[in-house]
Amino acid sequence: MHPSQITEWKRQLQERAADVFSTAGTPSSEPPVDLKALHVKISQLTLENDFLEGALPKAGLLSAKR
């Protein structure tokens, strides 16, 4: 790290530190990511994994579990 970079970061922190903590008491009503979409994706991947775990032995391939 170059000393001038650290000095710049320190200056930015001093100027904006209040902004970082100004919204701490007001939580957002919506999460930063779409939880419903993530749950759908997790369900899809779980279903695919379960299917493939059953299909591999039937196809005569190696087991998915190592």
PDB file of N, CA and C in Angstrom:
ATOM      1  N   MET A   1       0.831  -1.181   0.000  1.00  0.00           N
ATOM      2  CA  MET A   1       0.000   0.000   0.000  1.00  0.00           C
ATOM      3  C   MET A   1       0.877   1.245   0.000  1.00  0.00           C
ATOM      4  N   HIS A   2       0.489   2.147  -0.811  1.00  0.00           N
ATOM      5  CA  HIS A   2       1.201   3.426  -0.860  1.00  0.00           C
ATOM      6  C   HIS A   2       0.617   4.346   0.207  1.00  0.00           C
ATOM      7  N   PRO A   3       1.462   5.071   0.925  1.00  0.00           N
ATOM      8  CA  PRO A   3       0.968   5.951   1.988  1.00  0.00           C
ATOM      9  C   PRO A   3      -0.075   6.965   1.513  1.00  0.00           C
ATOM     10  N   SER A   4       0.045   7.423   0.290  1.00  0.00           N
ATOM     11  CA  SER A   4      -0.937   8.398  -0.197  1.00  0.00           C
ATOM     12  C   SER A   4      -2.326   7.764  -0.351  1.00  0.00           C
ATOM     13  N   GLN A   5      -2.376   6.461  -0.676  1.00  0.00           N
ATOM     14  CA  GLN A   5      -3.659   5.771  -0.788  1.00  0.00           C
ATOM     15  C   GLN A   5      -4.332   5.684   0.576  1.00  0.00           C
ATOM     16  N   ILE A   6      -3.567   5.357   1.589  1.00  0.00           N
ATOM     17  CA  ILE A   6      -4.117   5.278   2.945  1.00  0.00           C
ATOM     18  C   ILE A   6      -4.594   6.648   3.404  1.00  0.00           C
ATOM     19  N   THR A   7      -3.842   7.677   3.091  1.00  0.00           N
ATOM     20  CA  THR A   7      -4.240   9.042   3.446  1.00  0.00           C
ATOM     21  C   THR A   7      -5.549   9.412   2.753  1.00  0.00           C
ATOM     22  N   GLU A   8      -5.699   9.022   1.504  1.00  0.00           N
ATOM     23  CA  GLU A   8      -6.929   9.306   0.760  1.00  0.00           C
ATOM     24  C   GLU A   8      -8.117   8.578   1.381  1.00  0.00           C
ATOM     25  N   TRP A   9      -7.935   7.319   1.744  1.00  0.00           N
ATOM     26  CA  TRP A   9      -9.011   6.559   2.382  1.00  0.00           C
ATOM     27  C   TRP A   9      -9.408   7.188   3.712  1.00  0.00           C
ATOM     28  N   LYS A  10      -8.429   7.623   4.454  1.00  0.00           N
ATOM     29  CA  LYS A  10      -8.705   8.254   5.749  1.00  0.00           C
ATOM     30  C   LYS A  10      -9.515   9.532   5.545  1.00  0.00           C
ATOM     31  N   ARG A  11      -9.141  10.318   4.548  1.00  0.00           N
ATOM     32  CA  ARG A  11      -9.862  11.551   4.260  1.00  0.00           C
ATOM     33  C   ARG A  11     -11.304  11.244   3.863  1.00  0.00           C
ATOM     34  N   GLN A  12     -11.500  10.233   3.018  1.00  0.00           N
ATOM     35  CA  GLN A  12     -12.845   9.851   2.598  1.00  0.00           C
ATOM     36  C   GLN A  12     -13.681   9.374   3.782  1.00  0.00           C
ATOM     37  N   LEU A  13     -13.072   8.625   4.674  1.00  0.00           N
ATOM     38  CA  LEU A  13     -13.787   8.164   5.856  1.00  0.00           C
ATOM     39  C   LEU A  13     -14.216   9.334   6.726  1.00  0.00           C
ATOM     40  N   GLN A  14     -13.326  10.273   6.933  1.00  0.00           N
ATOM     41  CA  GLN A  14     -13.651  11.421   7.771  1.00  0.00           C
ATOM     42  C   GLN A  14     -14.786  12.241   7.164  1.00  0.00           C
ATOM     43  N   GLU A  15     -14.831  12.325   5.848  1.00  0.00           N
ATOM     44  CA  GLU A  15     -15.879  13.099   5.187  1.00  0.00           C
ATOM     45  C   GLU A  15     -17.222  12.369   5.180  1.00  0.00           C
ATOM     46  N   ARG A  16     -17.199  11.044   5.080  1.00  0.00           N
ATOM     47  CA  ARG A  16     -18.431  10.281   4.860  1.00  0.00           C
ATOM     48  C   ARG A  16     -18.810   9.336   5.999  1.00  0.00           C
ATOM     49  N   ALA A  17     -18.124   9.375   7.115  1.00  0.00           N
ATOM     50  CA  ALA A  17     -18.396   8.420   8.197  1.00  0.00           C
ATOM     51  C   ALA A  17     -19.826   8.538   8.706  1.00  0.00           C
ATOM     52  N   ALA A  18     -20.338   9.745   8.799  1.00  0.00           N
ATOM     53  CA  ALA A  18     -21.704   9.929   9.296  1.00  0.00           C
ATOM     54  C   ALA A  18     -22.724   9.293   8.354  1.00  0.00           C
ATOM     55  N   ASP A  19     -22.464   9.313   7.058  1.00  0.00           N
ATOM     56  CA  ASP A  19     -23.390   8.723   6.092  1.00  0.00           C
ATOM     57  C   ASP A  19     -23.481   7.206   6.245  1.00  0.00           C
ATOM     58  N   VAL A  20     -22.394   6.581   6.635  1.00  0.00           N
ATOM     59  CA  VAL A  20     -22.367   5.128   6.765  1.00  0.00           C
ATOM     60  C   VAL A  20     -23.342   4.667   7.835  1.00  0.00           C
ATOM     61  N   PHE A  21     -23.405   5.399   8.934  1.00  0.00           N
ATOM     62  CA  PHE A  21     -24.219   4.978  10.062  1.00  0.00           C
ATOM     63  C   PHE A  21     -25.551   5.716  10.163  1.00  0.00           C
ATOM     64  N   SER A  22     -25.857   6.587   9.234  1.00  0.00           N
ATOM     65  CA  SER A  22     -27.078   7.383   9.334  1.00  0.00           C
ATOM     66  C   SER A  22     -28.341   6.555   9.138  1.00  0.00           C
ATOM     67  N   THR A  23     -28.284   5.452   8.388  1.00  0.00           N
ATOM     68  CA  THR A  23     -29.469   4.635   8.140  1.00  0.00           C
ATOM     69  C   THR A  23     -29.490   3.374   8.988  1.00  0.00           C
ATOM     70  N   ALA A  24     -28.652   3.277   9.998  1.00  0.00           N
ATOM     71  CA  ALA A  24     -28.572   2.058  10.803  1.00  0.00           C
ATOM     72  C   ALA A  24     -29.872   1.778  11.543  1.00  0.00           C
ATOM     73  N   GLY A  25     -30.598   2.796  11.945  1.00  0.00           N
ATOM     74  CA  GLY A  25     -31.828   2.602  12.700  1.00  0.00           C
ATOM     75  C   GLY A  25     -33.044   2.341  11.844  1.00  0.00           C
ATOM     76  N   THR A  26     -32.922   2.454  10.530  1.00  0.00           N
ATOM     77  CA  THR A  26     -34.061   2.262   9.638  1.00  0.00           C
ATOM     78  C   THR A  26     -33.780   1.108   8.679  1.00  0.00           C
ATOM     79  N   PRO A  27     -34.152  -0.114   9.080  1.00  0.00           N
ATOM     80  CA  PRO A  27     -33.891  -1.251   8.200  1.00  0.00           C
ATOM     81  C   PRO A  27     -34.750  -1.178   6.940  1.00  0.00           C
ATOM     82  N   SER A  28     -34.209  -1.671   5.869  1.00  0.00           N
ATOM     83  CA  SER A  28     -34.919  -1.682   4.596  1.00  0.00           C
ATOM     84  C   SER A  28     -36.073  -2.677   4.663  1.00  0.00           C
ATOM     85  N   SER A  29     -37.192  -2.328   4.050  1.00  0.00           N
ATOM     86  CA  SER A  29     -38.341  -3.227   4.060  1.00  0.00           C
ATOM     87  C   SER A  29     -38.123  -4.416   3.131  1.00  0.00           C
ATOM     88  N   GLU A  30     -37.274  -4.257   2.135  1.00  0.00           N
ATOM     89  CA  GLU A  30     -36.985  -5.337   1.208  1.00  0.00           C
ATOM     90  C   GLU A  30     -35.538  -5.770   1.360  1.00  0.00           C
ATOM     91  N   PRO A  31     -35.267  -7.063   1.301  1.00  0.00           N
ATOM     92  CA  PRO A  31     -33.875  -7.513   1.366  1.00  0.00           C
ATOM     93  C   PRO A  31     -33.132  -7.073   0.104  1.00  0.00           C
ATOM     94  N   PRO A  32     -31.814  -6.983   0.170  1.00  0.00           N
ATOM     95  CA  PRO A  32     -31.047  -6.529  -0.993  1.00  0.00           C
ATOM     96  C   PRO A  32     -31.080  -7.507  -2.163  1.00  0.00           C
ATOM     97  N   VAL A  33     -31.501  -8.742  -1.923  1.00  0.00           N
ATOM     98  CA  VAL A  33     -31.620  -9.724  -3.000  1.00  0.00           C
ATOM     99  C   VAL A  33     -33.036 -10.282  -2.997  1.00  0.00           C
ATOM    100  N   ASP A  34     -33.430 -10.875  -4.090  1.00  0.00           N
ATOM    101  CA  ASP A  34     -34.764 -11.455  -4.217  1.00  0.00           C
ATOM    102  C   ASP A  34     -34.750 -12.861  -3.611  1.00  0.00           C
ATOM    103  N   LEU A  35     -35.213 -12.965  -2.370  1.00  0.00           N
ATOM    104  CA  LEU A  35     -35.184 -14.247  -1.669  1.00  0.00           C
ATOM    105  C   LEU A  35     -36.080 -15.283  -2.328  1.00  0.00           C
ATOM    106  N   LYS A  36     -37.198 -14.853  -2.877  1.00  0.00           N
ATOM    107  CA  LYS A  36     -38.109 -15.800  -3.525  1.00  0.00           C
ATOM    108  C   LYS A  36     -37.420 -16.467  -4.721  1.00  0.00           C
ATOM    109  N   ALA A  37     -36.726 -15.680  -5.518  1.00  0.00           N
ATOM    110  CA  ALA A  37     -36.014 -16.236  -6.675  1.00  0.00           C
ATOM    111  C   ALA A  37     -34.902 -17.182  -6.228  1.00  0.00           C
ATOM    112  N   LEU A  38     -34.219 -16.838  -5.140  1.00  0.00           N
ATOM    113  CA  LEU A  38     -33.163 -17.716  -4.633  1.00  0.00           C
ATOM    114  C   LEU A  38     -33.736 -19.037  -4.130  1.00  0.00           C
ATOM    115  N   HIS A  39     -34.876 -18.992  -3.458  1.00  0.00           N
ATOM    116  CA  HIS A  39     -35.496 -20.224  -2.984  1.00  0.00           C
ATOM    117  C   HIS A  39     -35.940 -21.100  -4.152  1.00  0.00           C
ATOM    118  N   VAL A  40     -36.450 -20.487  -5.204  1.00  0.00           N
ATOM    119  CA  VAL A  40     -36.844 -21.240  -6.396  1.00  0.00           C
ATOM    120  C   VAL A  40     -35.624 -21.918  -7.014  1.00  0.00           C
ATOM    121  N   LYS A  41     -34.520 -21.196  -7.107  1.00  0.00           N
ATOM    122  CA  LYS A  41     -33.298 -21.752  -7.694  1.00  0.00           C
ATOM    123  C   LYS A  41     -32.753 -22.892  -6.840  1.00  0.00           C
ATOM    124  N   ILE A  42     -32.777 -22.729  -5.522  1.00  0.00           N
ATOM    125  CA  ILE A  42     -32.309 -23.785  -4.624  1.00  0.00           C
ATOM    126  C   ILE A  42     -33.162 -25.036  -4.798  1.00  0.00           C
ATOM    127  N   SER A  43     -34.467 -24.858  -4.894  1.00  0.00           N
ATOM    128  CA  SER A  43     -35.371 -25.998  -5.090  1.00  0.00           C
ATOM    129  C   SER A  43     -35.083 -26.703  -6.410  1.00  0.00           C
ATOM    130  N   GLN A  44     -34.854 -25.923  -7.451  1.00  0.00           N
ATOM    131  CA  GLN A  44     -34.563 -26.491  -8.767  1.00  0.00           C
ATOM    132  C   GLN A  44     -33.270 -27.299  -8.725  1.00  0.00           C
ATOM    133  N   LEU A  45     -32.224 -26.746  -8.134  1.00  0.00           N
ATOM    134  CA  LEU A  45     -30.942 -27.440  -8.080  1.00  0.00           C
ATOM    135  C   LEU A  45     -31.013 -28.691  -7.208  1.00  0.00           C
ATOM    136  N   THR A  46     -31.773 -28.629  -6.131  1.00  0.00           N
ATOM    137  CA  THR A  46     -31.948 -29.798  -5.272  1.00  0.00           C
ATOM    138  C   THR A  46     -32.648 -30.912  -6.030  1.00  0.00           C
ATOM    139  N   LEU A  47     -33.684 -30.559  -6.770  1.00  0.00           N
ATOM    140  CA  LEU A  47     -34.411 -31.543  -7.566  1.00  0.00           C
ATOM    141  C   LEU A  47     -33.499 -32.171  -8.616  1.00  0.00           C
ATOM    142  N   GLU A  48     -32.699 -31.359  -9.297  1.00  0.00           N
ATOM    143  CA  GLU A  48     -31.775 -31.876 -10.306  1.00  0.00           C
ATOM    144  C   GLU A  48     -30.752 -32.817  -9.683  1.00  0.00           C
ATOM    145  N   ASN A  49     -30.209 -32.444  -8.528  1.00  0.00           N
ATOM    146  CA  ASN A  49     -29.225 -33.295  -7.856  1.00  0.00           C
ATOM    147  C   ASN A  49     -29.834 -34.628  -7.444  1.00  0.00           C
ATOM    148  N   ASP A  50     -31.037 -34.579  -6.890  1.00  0.00           N
ATOM    149  CA  ASP A  50     -31.707 -35.812  -6.482  1.00  0.00           C
ATOM    150  C   ASP A  50     -31.953 -36.718  -7.689  1.00  0.00           C
ATOM    151  N   PHE A  51     -32.380 -36.131  -8.792  1.00  0.00           N
ATOM    152  CA  PHE A  51     -32.629 -36.909 -10.008  1.00  0.00           C
ATOM    153  C   PHE A  51     -31.340 -37.559 -10.510  1.00  0.00           C
ATOM    154  N   LEU A  52     -30.270 -36.781 -10.568  1.00  0.00           N
ATOM    155  CA  LEU A  52     -29.010 -37.307 -11.090  1.00  0.00           C
ATOM    156  C   LEU A  52     -28.409 -38.368 -10.175  1.00  0.00           C
ATOM    157  N   GLU A  53     -28.576 -38.220  -8.868  1.00  0.00           N
ATOM    158  CA  GLU A  53     -28.074 -39.241  -7.947  1.00  0.00           C
ATOM    159  C   GLU A  53     -28.761 -40.584  -8.197  1.00  0.00           C
ATOM    160  N   GLY A  54     -30.020 -40.547  -8.565  1.00  0.00           N
ATOM    161  CA  GLY A  54     -30.731 -41.784  -8.871  1.00  0.00           C
ATOM    162  C   GLY A  54     -30.446 -42.298 -10.266  1.00  0.00           C
ATOM    163  N   ALA A  55     -30.193 -41.402 -11.203  1.00  0.00           N
ATOM    164  CA  ALA A  55     -30.001 -41.798 -12.599  1.00  0.00           C
ATOM    165  C   ALA A  55     -28.606 -42.352 -12.866  1.00  0.00           C
ATOM    166  N   LEU A  56     -27.596 -41.883 -12.167  1.00  0.00           N
ATOM    167  CA  LEU A  56     -26.233 -42.343 -12.430  1.00  0.00           C
ATOM    168  C   LEU A  56     -26.061 -43.845 -12.201  1.00  0.00           C
ATOM    169  N   PRO A  57     -26.494 -44.384 -11.079  1.00  0.00           N
ATOM    170  CA  PRO A  57     -26.333 -45.836 -10.902  1.00  0.00           C
ATOM    171  C   PRO A  57     -27.134 -46.644 -11.925  1.00  0.00           C
ATOM    172  N   LYS A  58     -28.308 -46.162 -12.300  1.00  0.00           N
ATOM    173  CA  LYS A  58     -29.132 -46.868 -13.287  1.00  0.00           C
ATOM    174  C   LYS A  58     -28.468 -46.873 -14.657  1.00  0.00           C
ATOM    175  N   ALA A  59     -27.695 -45.831 -14.952  1.00  0.00           N
ATOM    176  CA  ALA A  59     -27.018 -45.739 -16.245  1.00  0.00           C
ATOM    177  C   ALA A  59     -25.692 -46.489 -16.232  1.00  0.00           C
ATOM    178  N   GLY A  60     -25.321 -47.050 -15.086  1.00  0.00           N
ATOM    179  CA  GLY A  60     -24.077 -47.802 -14.996  1.00  0.00           C
ATOM    180  C   GLY A  60     -22.860 -46.914 -14.847  1.00  0.00           C
ATOM    181  N   LEU A  61     -23.073 -45.671 -14.499  1.00  0.00           N
ATOM    182  CA  LEU A  61     -21.958 -44.755 -14.301  1.00  0.00           C
ATOM    183  C   LEU A  61     -21.566 -44.753 -12.832  1.00  0.00           C
ATOM    184  N   LEU A  62     -20.484 -44.104 -12.558  1.00  0.00           N
ATOM    185  CA  LEU A  62     -20.020 -44.021 -11.179  1.00  0.00           C
ATOM    186  C   LEU A  62     -21.042 -43.322 -10.305  1.00  0.00           C
ATOM    187  N   SER A  63     -20.981 -43.625  -9.070  1.00  0.00           N
ATOM    188  CA  SER A  63     -21.875 -42.983  -8.112  1.00  0.00           C
ATOM    189  C   SER A  63     -21.536 -41.510  -7.992  1.00  0.00           C
ATOM    190  N   ALA A  64     -22.547 -40.690  -7.747  1.00  0.00           N
ATOM    191  CA  ALA A  64     -22.332 -39.254  -7.592  1.00  0.00           C
ATOM    192  C   ALA A  64     -21.615 -38.951  -6.289  1.00  0.00           C
ATOM    193  N   LYS A  65     -21.776 -39.821  -5.302  1.00  0.00           N
ATOM    194  CA  LYS A  65     -21.105 -39.622  -4.014  1.00  0.00           C
ATOM    195  C   LYS A  65     -19.683 -40.135  -4.129  1.00  0.00           C
ATOM    196  N   ARG A  66     -18.741 -39.336  -3.683  1.00  0.00           N
ATOM    197  CA  ARG A  66     -17.335 -39.755  -3.796  1.00  0.00           C
ATOM    198  C   ARG A  66     -16.748 -39.996  -2.458  1.00  0.00           C
TER     199      ARG A  66
END
